[in-house]
């Protein structure tokens, strides 16, 4: 994939550009990619807030990602 990175005057990458043919390939593999910038529904936000609240109240529930991967590999 021939990706071009665009930077600002400080050298920070601010955008990514790719050829239209490669964009079309991505769209065929991921049909919903055009909707990634749509607003998150309120019910999604509510679920995220409740899960973050539960983790804040019970930090022992947070486990390393390596444990999750190990469980998934079983």
N, C-alpha and C. Protein backbone atom coordinates (compact mmCIF):
# COMPACT_ATOMS: atom_id res chain seq x y z
N UNK A 1 0.86 -1.18 0.00
CA UNK A 1 0.00 0.00 0.00
C UNK A 1 0.90 1.23 0.00
N UNK A 2 0.67 2.12 -0.91
CA UNK A 2 1.50 3.32 -1.00
C UNK A 2 0.83 4.48 -0.27
N UNK A 3 1.06 4.53 1.02
CA UNK A 3 0.46 5.54 1.89
C UNK A 3 1.39 6.74 1.98
N UNK A 4 0.81 7.92 1.97
CA UNK A 4 1.57 9.15 2.17
C UNK A 4 1.11 9.79 3.47
N UNK A 5 2.07 10.23 4.27
CA UNK A 5 1.76 10.88 5.54
C UNK A 5 1.97 12.38 5.38
N UNK A 6 1.03 13.15 5.84
CA UNK A 6 1.12 14.60 5.79
C UNK A 6 1.44 15.12 7.19
N UNK A 7 2.39 16.02 7.27
CA UNK A 7 2.85 16.55 8.56
C UNK A 7 2.64 18.05 8.63
N UNK A 8 2.52 18.54 9.86
CA UNK A 8 2.43 19.99 10.05
C UNK A 8 3.85 20.56 10.17
N UNK A 9 3.94 21.86 10.45
CA UNK A 9 5.24 22.52 10.52
C UNK A 9 6.12 22.01 11.67
N UNK A 10 5.51 21.34 12.65
CA UNK A 10 6.28 20.78 13.77
C UNK A 10 6.72 19.34 13.50
N UNK A 11 6.35 18.82 12.33
CA UNK A 11 6.73 17.46 11.98
C UNK A 11 5.76 16.40 12.49
N UNK A 12 4.66 16.82 13.08
CA UNK A 12 3.66 15.87 13.58
C UNK A 12 2.77 15.42 12.44
N UNK A 13 2.55 14.11 12.34
CA UNK A 13 1.69 13.58 11.29
C UNK A 13 0.25 14.02 11.59
N UNK A 14 -0.39 14.63 10.60
CA UNK A 14 -1.75 15.13 10.79
C UNK A 14 -2.77 14.48 9.87
N UNK A 15 -2.28 13.75 8.85
CA UNK A 15 -3.22 13.12 7.91
C UNK A 15 -2.50 11.99 7.17
N UNK A 16 -3.32 11.13 6.59
CA UNK A 16 -2.82 10.02 5.78
C UNK A 16 -3.55 10.07 4.45
N UNK A 17 -2.81 9.84 3.38
CA UNK A 17 -3.39 9.86 2.04
C UNK A 17 -3.02 8.55 1.34
N UNK A 18 -4.00 7.96 0.64
CA UNK A 18 -3.73 6.75 -0.11
C UNK A 18 -4.43 6.82 -1.46
N UNK A 19 -3.91 6.10 -2.45
CA UNK A 19 -4.52 6.13 -3.78
C UNK A 19 -5.96 5.61 -3.76
N UNK A 20 -6.77 6.13 -4.66
CA UNK A 20 -8.19 5.79 -4.70
C UNK A 20 -8.41 4.30 -4.92
N UNK A 21 -7.58 3.65 -5.71
CA UNK A 21 -7.73 2.21 -5.94
C UNK A 21 -7.57 1.44 -4.63
N UNK A 22 -6.63 1.87 -3.80
CA UNK A 22 -6.43 1.20 -2.51
C UNK A 22 -7.59 1.50 -1.57
N UNK A 23 -8.13 2.72 -1.66
CA UNK A 23 -9.31 3.07 -0.86
C UNK A 23 -10.49 2.17 -1.25
N UNK A 24 -10.67 1.94 -2.53
CA UNK A 24 -11.75 1.08 -3.02
C UNK A 24 -11.57 -0.36 -2.51
N UNK A 25 -10.35 -0.84 -2.45
CA UNK A 25 -10.08 -2.18 -1.91
C UNK A 25 -10.46 -2.23 -0.44
N UNK A 26 -10.07 -1.21 0.31
CA UNK A 26 -10.44 -1.16 1.73
C UNK A 26 -11.95 -1.14 1.90
N UNK A 27 -12.64 -0.34 1.07
CA UNK A 27 -14.10 -0.25 1.16
C UNK A 27 -14.76 -1.59 0.83
N UNK A 28 -14.16 -2.36 -0.09
CA UNK A 28 -14.75 -3.65 -0.42
C UNK A 28 -14.57 -4.65 0.73
N UNK A 29 -13.47 -4.53 1.45
CA UNK A 29 -13.21 -5.42 2.59
C UNK A 29 -13.99 -4.98 3.83
N UNK A 30 -14.16 -3.67 3.99
CA UNK A 30 -14.83 -3.11 5.17
C UNK A 30 -15.92 -2.15 4.71
N UNK A 31 -17.09 -2.69 4.34
CA UNK A 31 -18.15 -1.85 3.75
C UNK A 31 -18.62 -0.69 4.63
N UNK A 32 -18.47 -0.79 5.94
CA UNK A 32 -18.94 0.27 6.83
C UNK A 32 -17.90 1.36 7.06
N UNK A 33 -16.78 1.28 6.38
CA UNK A 33 -15.69 2.23 6.63
C UNK A 33 -16.11 3.68 6.38
N UNK A 34 -17.04 3.90 5.48
CA UNK A 34 -17.51 5.27 5.21
C UNK A 34 -18.27 5.86 6.39
N UNK A 35 -18.72 5.03 7.31
CA UNK A 35 -19.54 5.50 8.42
C UNK A 35 -18.76 5.58 9.73
N UNK A 36 -17.45 5.49 9.67
CA UNK A 36 -16.65 5.52 10.89
C UNK A 36 -16.70 6.87 11.59
N UNK A 37 -17.00 7.91 10.86
CA UNK A 37 -17.03 9.23 11.47
C UNK A 37 -18.42 9.63 11.97
N UNK A 38 -19.37 8.70 11.89
CA UNK A 38 -20.71 9.02 12.36
C UNK A 38 -20.71 9.11 13.89
N UNK A 39 -21.68 9.84 14.40
CA UNK A 39 -21.75 10.04 15.85
C UNK A 39 -22.09 8.75 16.57
N UNK A 40 -21.52 8.62 17.74
CA UNK A 40 -21.79 7.47 18.59
C UNK A 40 -23.17 7.64 19.21
N UNK A 41 -24.05 6.64 19.07
CA UNK A 41 -25.40 6.77 19.66
C UNK A 41 -25.31 6.91 21.18
N UNK A 42 -26.28 7.58 21.75
CA UNK A 42 -26.29 7.81 23.19
C UNK A 42 -26.28 6.50 23.98
N UNK A 43 -26.97 5.47 23.48
CA UNK A 43 -27.01 4.22 24.22
C UNK A 43 -25.63 3.56 24.26
N UNK A 44 -24.80 3.79 23.21
CA UNK A 44 -23.42 3.30 23.25
C UNK A 44 -22.63 4.04 24.32
N UNK A 45 -22.81 5.36 24.36
CA UNK A 45 -22.13 6.16 25.36
C UNK A 45 -22.53 5.74 26.77
N UNK A 46 -23.80 5.43 26.95
CA UNK A 46 -24.28 5.01 28.27
C UNK A 46 -23.62 3.70 28.71
N UNK A 47 -23.48 2.76 27.78
CA UNK A 47 -22.83 1.49 28.09
C UNK A 47 -21.37 1.72 28.44
N UNK A 48 -20.69 2.54 27.66
CA UNK A 48 -19.27 2.83 27.93
C UNK A 48 -19.13 3.48 29.30
N UNK A 49 -19.99 4.45 29.59
CA UNK A 49 -19.94 5.13 30.89
C UNK A 49 -20.17 4.16 32.04
N UNK A 50 -21.11 3.24 31.89
CA UNK A 50 -21.39 2.30 32.98
C UNK A 50 -20.22 1.34 33.17
N UNK A 51 -19.59 0.93 32.09
CA UNK A 51 -18.43 0.02 32.20
C UNK A 51 -17.24 0.74 32.82
N UNK A 52 -17.01 1.99 32.42
CA UNK A 52 -15.92 2.75 33.03
C UNK A 52 -16.17 2.99 34.51
N UNK A 53 -17.42 3.24 34.86
CA UNK A 53 -17.79 3.44 36.26
C UNK A 53 -17.53 2.15 37.06
N UNK A 54 -17.91 1.01 36.49
CA UNK A 54 -17.69 -0.28 37.17
C UNK A 54 -16.20 -0.53 37.37
N UNK A 55 -15.39 -0.19 36.38
CA UNK A 55 -13.94 -0.39 36.52
C UNK A 55 -13.34 0.57 37.55
N UNK A 56 -13.88 1.77 37.61
CA UNK A 56 -13.39 2.73 38.60
C UNK A 56 -13.70 2.23 40.01
N UNK A 57 -14.86 1.63 40.19
CA UNK A 57 -15.25 1.12 41.51
C UNK A 57 -14.57 -0.19 41.85
N UNK A 58 -14.17 -0.94 40.83
CA UNK A 58 -13.55 -2.26 41.03
C UNK A 58 -12.30 -2.39 40.15
N UNK A 59 -11.23 -1.67 40.47
CA UNK A 59 -10.04 -1.69 39.62
C UNK A 59 -9.40 -3.08 39.51
N UNK A 60 -9.71 -3.97 40.43
CA UNK A 60 -9.15 -5.33 40.36
C UNK A 60 -9.69 -6.10 39.15
N UNK A 61 -10.74 -5.58 38.51
CA UNK A 61 -11.27 -6.23 37.31
C UNK A 61 -10.37 -6.02 36.09
N UNK A 62 -9.50 -5.02 36.17
CA UNK A 62 -8.61 -4.75 35.04
C UNK A 62 -7.47 -5.76 35.07
N UNK A 63 -7.29 -6.44 33.93
CA UNK A 63 -6.25 -7.45 33.82
C UNK A 63 -5.40 -7.16 32.59
N UNK A 64 -4.17 -7.64 32.59
CA UNK A 64 -3.30 -7.41 31.42
C UNK A 64 -3.86 -8.07 30.16
N UNK A 65 -3.63 -7.44 29.02
CA UNK A 65 -4.12 -7.96 27.75
C UNK A 65 -3.54 -9.33 27.47
N UNK A 66 -2.33 -9.60 27.97
CA UNK A 66 -1.71 -10.90 27.74
C UNK A 66 -2.55 -12.04 28.33
N UNK A 67 -3.22 -11.78 29.46
CA UNK A 67 -4.11 -12.79 30.04
C UNK A 67 -5.29 -13.07 29.13
N UNK A 68 -5.87 -12.03 28.56
CA UNK A 68 -7.00 -12.20 27.65
C UNK A 68 -6.58 -13.00 26.44
N UNK A 69 -5.45 -12.65 25.86
CA UNK A 69 -4.97 -13.38 24.69
C UNK A 69 -4.72 -14.83 25.03
N UNK A 70 -4.16 -15.08 26.21
CA UNK A 70 -3.94 -16.46 26.65
C UNK A 70 -5.24 -17.24 26.77
N UNK A 71 -6.27 -16.60 27.30
CA UNK A 71 -7.57 -17.26 27.42
C UNK A 71 -8.19 -17.52 26.05
N UNK A 72 -8.05 -16.58 25.14
CA UNK A 72 -8.60 -16.74 23.80
C UNK A 72 -7.88 -17.84 23.03
N UNK A 73 -6.59 -18.04 23.30
CA UNK A 73 -5.82 -19.07 22.62
C UNK A 73 -6.20 -20.47 23.08
N UNK A 74 -6.83 -20.60 24.24
CA UNK A 74 -7.19 -21.93 24.78
C UNK A 74 -8.29 -22.57 23.97
